[in-house]
Structures are given as structure tokens and as C-alpha cells.
Amino acid sequence: MSYTIGYQVRNQKAVLATEAATANQAVAIVAALQKAADEIKFIRSPQEGEMGIEMLLLLAKEEAEEMPQRM
């Protein structure tokens, strides 16, 4: 499932967006953006629609549980 994260850089009006292929990648992007003092404007996926960070974290957890374990 793909994710689009919209964010706004401090002191700028434009909303920028970036893509992530998995929920885990999206969580990493959101964390990096939050550390850089950017504001997350939206998180969307074609399957789930618009969601908050909490829902993204839940989807990332489910995604991790579904992946086969490597030994």
C-alpha cells in the first residue's frame, strides 16, 4: 500500500508532499519531518483514505506482523 504525506515547512505557505511505499517507511518519514520542525498536514493512502499518525502507526504494526520473519 502506498502513502502520501503532506507537510508544510516552517515559515512557508506551500504544502509539499512525499510518497512512501510502506507504512513503516511512512512512519520513518513522518518522524524525520517532525524532528525538522515541519508540520504534517495530511497522511493519505488510496486504500485507507486520509488518516492520522495513530492510524499510520497501527497500520505499520499490522504490516510488520504480516511480513515473514527472517532468520
C-alpha atoms as a PDB file:
ATOM      1  CA  MET A   1       0.000   0.000   0.000  1.00  0.00           C
ATOM      2  CA  SER A   2       1.368   3.435  -0.836  1.00  0.00           C
ATOM      3  CA  TYR A   3       1.162   6.530   1.354  1.00  0.00           C
ATOM      4  CA  THR A   4       1.325  10.242   0.621  1.00  0.00           C
ATOM      5  CA  ILE A   5       2.495  12.547   3.400  1.00  0.00           C
ATOM      6  CA  GLY A   6       1.737  16.239   3.047  1.00  0.00           C
ATOM      7  CA  TYR A   7       3.769  18.665   5.095  1.00  0.00           C
ATOM      8  CA  GLN A   8       4.465  22.350   5.423  1.00  0.00           C
ATOM      9  CA  VAL A   9       7.926  23.726   6.039  1.00  0.00           C
ATOM     10  CA  ARG A  10       8.154  26.290   8.778  1.00  0.00           C
ATOM     11  CA  ASN A  11       7.686  29.877   7.528  1.00  0.00           C
ATOM     12  CA  GLN A  12       6.423  28.763   4.105  1.00  0.00           C
ATOM     13  CA  LYS A  13       2.881  28.690   2.760  1.00  0.00           C
ATOM     14  CA  ALA A  14       3.236  25.846   0.259  1.00  0.00           C
ATOM     15  CA  VAL A  15       2.242  22.325   1.246  1.00  0.00           C
ATOM     16  CA  LEU A  16       4.716  19.781  -0.071  1.00  0.00           C
ATOM     17  CA  ALA A  17       4.155  16.037  -0.401  1.00  0.00           C
ATOM     18  CA  THR A  18       6.281  12.918  -0.415  1.00  0.00           C
ATOM     19  CA  GLU A  19       5.480   9.274  -1.109  1.00  0.00           C
ATOM     20  CA  ALA A  20       6.224   6.097   0.828  1.00  0.00           C
ATOM     21  CA  ALA A  21       5.740   2.543  -0.404  1.00  0.00           C
ATOM     22  CA  THR A  22       5.001   1.022   3.023  1.00  0.00           C
ATOM     23  CA  ALA A  23       3.517   2.103   6.341  1.00  0.00           C
ATOM     24  CA  ASN A  24       6.893   1.595   8.033  1.00  0.00           C
ATOM     25  CA  GLN A  25       8.569   3.903   5.529  1.00  0.00           C
ATOM     26  CA  ALA A  26       5.788   6.451   6.047  1.00  0.00           C
ATOM     27  CA  VAL A  27       6.303   6.335   9.828  1.00  0.00           C
ATOM     28  CA  ALA A  28      10.032   6.974   9.333  1.00  0.00           C
ATOM     29  CA  ILE A  29       9.316   9.930   7.036  1.00  0.00           C
ATOM     30  CA  VAL A  30       6.794  11.416   9.484  1.00  0.00           C
ATOM     31  CA  ALA A  31       9.290  11.060  12.352  1.00  0.00           C
ATOM     32  CA  ALA A  32      12.026  12.772  10.328  1.00  0.00           C
ATOM     33  CA  LEU A  33       9.693  15.593   9.312  1.00  0.00           C
ATOM     34  CA  GLN A  34       8.596  16.147  12.906  1.00  0.00           C
ATOM     35  CA  LYS A  35      12.223  16.404  14.048  1.00  0.00           C
ATOM     36  CA  ALA A  36      12.844  19.037  11.390  1.00  0.00           C
ATOM     37  CA  ALA A  37      10.020  21.159  12.868  1.00  0.00           C
ATOM     38  CA  ASP A  38       7.785  20.679   9.841  1.00  0.00           C
ATOM     39  CA  GLU A  39       4.026  20.419  10.256  1.00  0.00           C
ATOM     40  CA  ILE A  40       2.335  17.265   8.966  1.00  0.00           C
ATOM     41  CA  LYS A  41      -0.741  18.408   7.041  1.00  0.00           C
ATOM     42  CA  PHE A  42      -2.097  15.029   5.922  1.00  0.00           C
ATOM     43  CA  ILE A  43      -1.371  11.340   5.510  1.00  0.00           C
ATOM     44  CA  ARG A  44      -3.313   9.502   2.800  1.00  0.00           C
ATOM     45  CA  SER A  45      -3.420   6.135   1.140  1.00  0.00           C
ATOM     46  CA  PRO A  46      -5.637   5.041  -1.753  1.00  0.00           C
ATOM     47  CA  GLN A  47      -6.977   2.120   0.304  1.00  0.00           C
ATOM     48  CA  GLU A  48      -7.497   3.832   3.679  1.00  0.00           C
ATOM     49  CA  GLY A  49      -8.106   7.456   2.685  1.00  0.00           C
ATOM     50  CA  GLU A  50      -6.950  10.245   4.984  1.00  0.00           C
ATOM     51  CA  MET A  51      -5.638   9.203   8.401  1.00  0.00           C
ATOM     52  CA  GLY A  52      -3.810  10.459  11.443  1.00  0.00           C
ATOM     53  CA  ILE A  53      -0.426   9.434  12.773  1.00  0.00           C
ATOM     54  CA  GLU A  54      -2.009   6.994  15.242  1.00  0.00           C
ATOM     55  CA  MET A  55      -3.723   5.080  12.432  1.00  0.00           C
ATOM     56  CA  LEU A  56      -0.493   5.049  10.425  1.00  0.00           C
ATOM     57  CA  LEU A  57       1.323   3.549  13.430  1.00  0.00           C
ATOM     58  CA  LEU A  58      -1.353   0.858  13.722  1.00  0.00           C
ATOM     59  CA  LEU A  59      -1.053   0.026  10.012  1.00  0.00           C
ATOM     60  CA  ALA A  60       2.743  -0.150  10.331  1.00  0.00           C
ATOM     61  CA  LYS A  61       2.389  -2.572  13.248  1.00  0.00           C
ATOM     62  CA  GLU A  62      -0.021  -4.750  11.261  1.00  0.00           C
ATOM     63  CA  GLU A  63       2.284  -4.606   8.254  1.00  0.00           C
ATOM     64  CA  ALA A  64       5.236  -5.760  10.365  1.00  0.00           C
ATOM     65  CA  GLU A  65       3.217  -8.669  11.772  1.00  0.00           C
ATOM     66  CA  GLU A  66       2.250  -9.801   8.259  1.00  0.00           C
ATOM     67  CA  MET A  67       5.815  -9.834   6.925  1.00  0.00           C
ATOM     68  CA  PRO A  68       7.588 -13.203   7.062  1.00  0.00           C
ATOM     69  CA  GLN A  69      10.250 -13.379   9.748  1.00  0.00           C
ATOM     70  CA  ARG A  70      13.837 -13.730   8.508  1.00  0.00           C
ATOM     71  CA  MET A  71      16.222 -15.952  10.385  1.00  0.00           C
END
